[in-house]
Protein backbone atom coordinates (compact mmCIF):
# COMPACT_ATOMS: atom_id res chain seq x y z
CA UNK A 1 57.38 102.10 160.61
CA UNK A 2 59.06 102.09 157.17
CA UNK A 3 60.70 105.45 157.84
CA UNK A 4 62.02 104.22 161.19
CA UNK A 5 63.52 101.10 159.56
CA UNK A 6 65.13 103.18 156.83
CA UNK A 7 66.60 105.59 159.38
CA UNK A 8 67.98 102.73 161.48
CA UNK A 9 69.50 101.11 158.37
CA UNK A 10 71.10 104.37 157.20
CA UNK A 11 72.43 105.06 160.71
CA UNK A 12 73.91 101.53 160.93
CA UNK A 13 75.61 101.89 157.54
CA UNK A 14 77.07 105.29 158.47
CA UNK A 15 78.39 103.90 161.76
CA UNK A 16 79.93 100.94 159.94
CA UNK A 17 81.61 103.18 157.40
CA UNK A 18 82.90 105.74 159.90
CA UNK A 19 83.86 103.52 162.83
CA UNK A 20 83.84 99.91 161.86
CA UNK A 21 86.08 99.48 158.88
CA UNK A 22 89.77 99.86 159.71
CA UNK A 23 91.21 97.59 162.36
CA UNK A 24 93.53 98.94 165.02
CA UNK A 25 96.60 96.72 165.18
CA UNK A 26 97.51 93.59 163.25
CA UNK A 27 95.24 90.79 162.07
CA UNK A 28 94.32 88.27 164.77
CA UNK A 29 93.53 84.65 163.93
CA UNK A 30 90.74 82.69 165.58
CA UNK A 31 88.39 79.82 164.74
CA UNK A 32 85.20 81.90 164.72
CA UNK A 33 83.69 82.67 161.29
CA UNK A 34 82.88 86.28 160.45
CA UNK A 35 79.35 87.65 160.59
CA UNK A 36 77.70 88.08 157.19
CA UNK A 37 74.35 89.73 156.39
CA UNK A 38 72.42 90.77 153.29
CA UNK A 39 69.56 93.24 153.68
CA UNK A 40 67.17 93.86 150.78
CA UNK A 41 64.50 96.56 151.01
CA UNK A 42 62.00 97.98 148.56
CA UNK A 43 58.49 97.49 147.30
CA UNK A 44 57.19 97.92 150.85
CA UNK A 45 59.31 95.07 152.21
CA UNK A 46 62.60 94.59 154.10
CA UNK A 47 64.35 91.27 154.76
CA UNK A 48 67.73 90.60 156.37
CA UNK A 49 69.47 87.31 155.63
CA UNK A 50 72.33 85.95 157.76
CA UNK A 51 74.87 83.15 157.53
CA UNK A 52 73.32 81.18 160.40
CA UNK A 53 69.99 80.34 158.75
CA UNK A 54 69.42 78.23 155.63
CA UNK A 55 67.14 79.58 152.92
CA UNK A 56 66.76 76.67 150.51
CA UNK A 57 63.11 76.14 151.42
CA UNK A 58 61.90 79.53 150.25
CA UNK A 59 62.16 82.35 147.77
CA UNK A 60 62.35 86.12 147.89
CA UNK A 61 59.58 87.17 145.50
CA UNK A 62 60.32 90.67 144.22
CA UNK A 63 57.80 93.00 142.57
CA UNK A 64 58.32 93.79 138.86
CA UNK A 65 59.53 97.27 137.86
CA UNK A 66 60.56 98.12 141.43
CA UNK A 67 63.73 99.63 142.87
CA UNK A 68 65.35 97.69 145.73
CA UNK A 69 68.24 98.64 147.98
CA UNK A 70 70.77 96.00 148.96
CA UNK A 71 73.41 96.04 151.71
CA UNK A 72 75.89 93.23 152.25
CA UNK A 73 78.13 93.45 155.34
CA UNK A 74 80.95 91.23 156.61
CA UNK A 75 82.45 91.74 160.08
CA UNK A 76 85.10 90.02 162.20
CA UNK A 77 87.00 91.55 165.11
CA UNK A 78 90.20 89.81 163.95
CA UNK A 79 89.98 91.21 160.41
CA UNK A 80 88.11 90.37 157.20
CA UNK A 81 89.58 89.23 153.94
CA UNK A 82 87.31 89.06 150.85
CA UNK A 83 83.59 89.80 150.58
CA UNK A 84 81.67 88.84 147.44
CA UNK A 85 78.06 89.56 146.50
CA UNK A 86 76.52 87.85 143.46
CA UNK A 87 73.43 89.35 141.79
CA UNK A 88 71.70 87.95 138.69
CA UNK A 89 71.90 90.10 135.57
CA UNK A 90 68.12 90.32 135.20
CA UNK A 91 68.19 92.70 138.19
CA UNK A 92 68.96 95.75 136.07
CA UNK A 93 70.44 99.19 136.78
CA UNK A 94 72.77 97.71 139.36
CA UNK A 95 74.73 100.39 141.15
CA UNK A 96 76.81 98.72 143.88
CA UNK A 97 79.80 100.25 145.67
CA UNK A 98 82.09 98.84 148.32
CA UNK A 99 84.13 99.83 151.35
CA UNK A 100 87.15 99.79 151.40
CA UNK A 101 87.27 99.20 147.59
CA UNK A 102 85.40 97.10 145.07
CA UNK A 103 85.77 95.30 141.77
CA UNK A 104 83.13 93.78 139.47
CA UNK A 105 83.29 90.49 137.58
CA UNK A 106 80.70 89.87 134.85
CA UNK A 107 79.61 86.40 133.72
CA UNK A 108 76.86 85.52 131.23
CA UNK A 109 74.33 85.07 134.10
CA UNK A 110 75.38 87.46 136.88
CA UNK A 111 77.60 90.16 138.34
CA UNK A 112 79.98 89.46 141.23
CA UNK A 113 80.92 92.47 143.35
CA UNK A 114 84.04 91.97 145.46
CA UNK A 115 85.72 93.88 148.28
CA UNK A 116 89.25 92.80 149.16
CA UNK A 117 91.44 93.79 152.08
CA UNK A 118 95.12 93.30 152.74
CA UNK A 119 96.76 91.83 155.82
CA UNK A 120 99.07 94.86 156.01
CA UNK A 121 96.09 97.27 156.19
CA UNK A 122 93.44 95.15 157.93
CA UNK A 123 89.77 96.00 158.12
CA UNK A 124 87.40 94.49 160.66
CA UNK A 125 84.41 94.97 158.36
CA UNK A 126 83.61 95.32 154.67
CA UNK A 127 80.50 96.65 153.00
CA UNK A 128 78.84 96.43 149.60
CA UNK A 129 75.78 98.60 149.18
CA UNK A 130 73.62 99.99 146.41
CA UNK A 131 70.47 99.31 144.45
CA UNK A 132 68.93 97.47 141.52
CA UNK A 133 65.64 97.54 139.60
CA UNK A 134 63.59 94.45 138.87
CA UNK A 135 62.55 93.84 135.25
CA UNK A 136 59.05 93.96 133.79
CA UNK A 137 57.52 90.51 134.24
CA UNK A 138 54.61 91.06 131.86
CA UNK A 139 55.40 88.19 129.50
CA UNK A 140 57.84 86.10 131.52
CA UNK A 141 59.06 85.18 134.99
CA UNK A 142 62.63 85.41 136.26
CA UNK A 143 64.25 82.95 138.69
CA UNK A 144 67.77 82.77 140.06
CA UNK A 145 69.67 83.17 143.34
CA UNK A 146 71.43 85.90 145.28
CA UNK A 147 74.48 84.94 147.27
CA UNK A 148 77.36 86.27 149.31
CA UNK A 149 80.51 84.78 150.77
CA UNK A 150 83.24 86.19 152.96
CA UNK A 151 86.09 85.03 155.16
CA UNK A 152 88.57 86.17 157.75
CA UNK A 153 92.36 85.82 157.55
CA UNK A 154 92.20 82.33 159.11
CA UNK A 155 89.95 81.25 156.17
CA UNK A 156 86.85 80.85 158.33
CA UNK A 157 83.97 81.29 155.86
CA UNK A 158 80.49 82.70 156.07
CA UNK A 159 78.03 82.18 153.23
CA UNK A 160 74.45 83.12 152.33
CA UNK A 161 72.48 81.97 149.30
CA UNK A 162 68.76 82.24 148.61
CA UNK A 163 66.33 81.93 145.71
CA UNK A 164 64.90 85.05 144.13
CA UNK A 165 62.10 85.49 141.62
CA UNK A 166 60.39 88.30 139.74
CA UNK A 167 56.90 87.60 138.43
CA UNK A 168 53.52 89.30 138.37
CA UNK A 169 51.56 86.97 140.67
CA UNK A 170 53.94 84.74 142.62
CA UNK A 171 52.60 81.84 144.67
CA UNK A 172 52.49 83.03 148.28
CA UNK A 173 52.67 86.72 147.34
CA UNK A 174 55.61 89.10 147.44
CA UNK A 175 58.40 89.10 150.02
CA UNK A 176 60.00 86.05 151.64
CA UNK A 177 57.85 82.97 151.05
CA UNK A 178 58.68 79.52 152.43
CA UNK A 179 57.70 76.41 150.46
């Protein structure tokens, strides 16, 4: 089952990169917000978050000393403008790249990865993908949030934010736990 999910995820990312990025023709304006997703997989678990659901009543409990893959995708048939993914600094060894291009902003608490597009060369989707490693939680616990925001050229926004923790024995176990 895990291998099948990984193959489907890799296939979807390849299709997005090869076929879904550049937009044929000019930007079109509408009142429909873009579609935004964040998928996190690793430690025997995969969870996809979307902009439709609210995640304030739960937490993604990650295993210590574990590598996780993250994919953040923004799509809109009329064209996408910026896509930003925010990861807390305690998630170490962050290696995130973006399509069509990416920049990184560092603050004392987190890293913000950003993909920007231009109205003159519109894209109908943007992608940030990569991995991070959770820290050792032997003597402490880590709590923060992961978030993403994106918009189209008519400034319709999509946003996702959810709590994340790294600790040895989290209440409710590992993975997505609702309160």
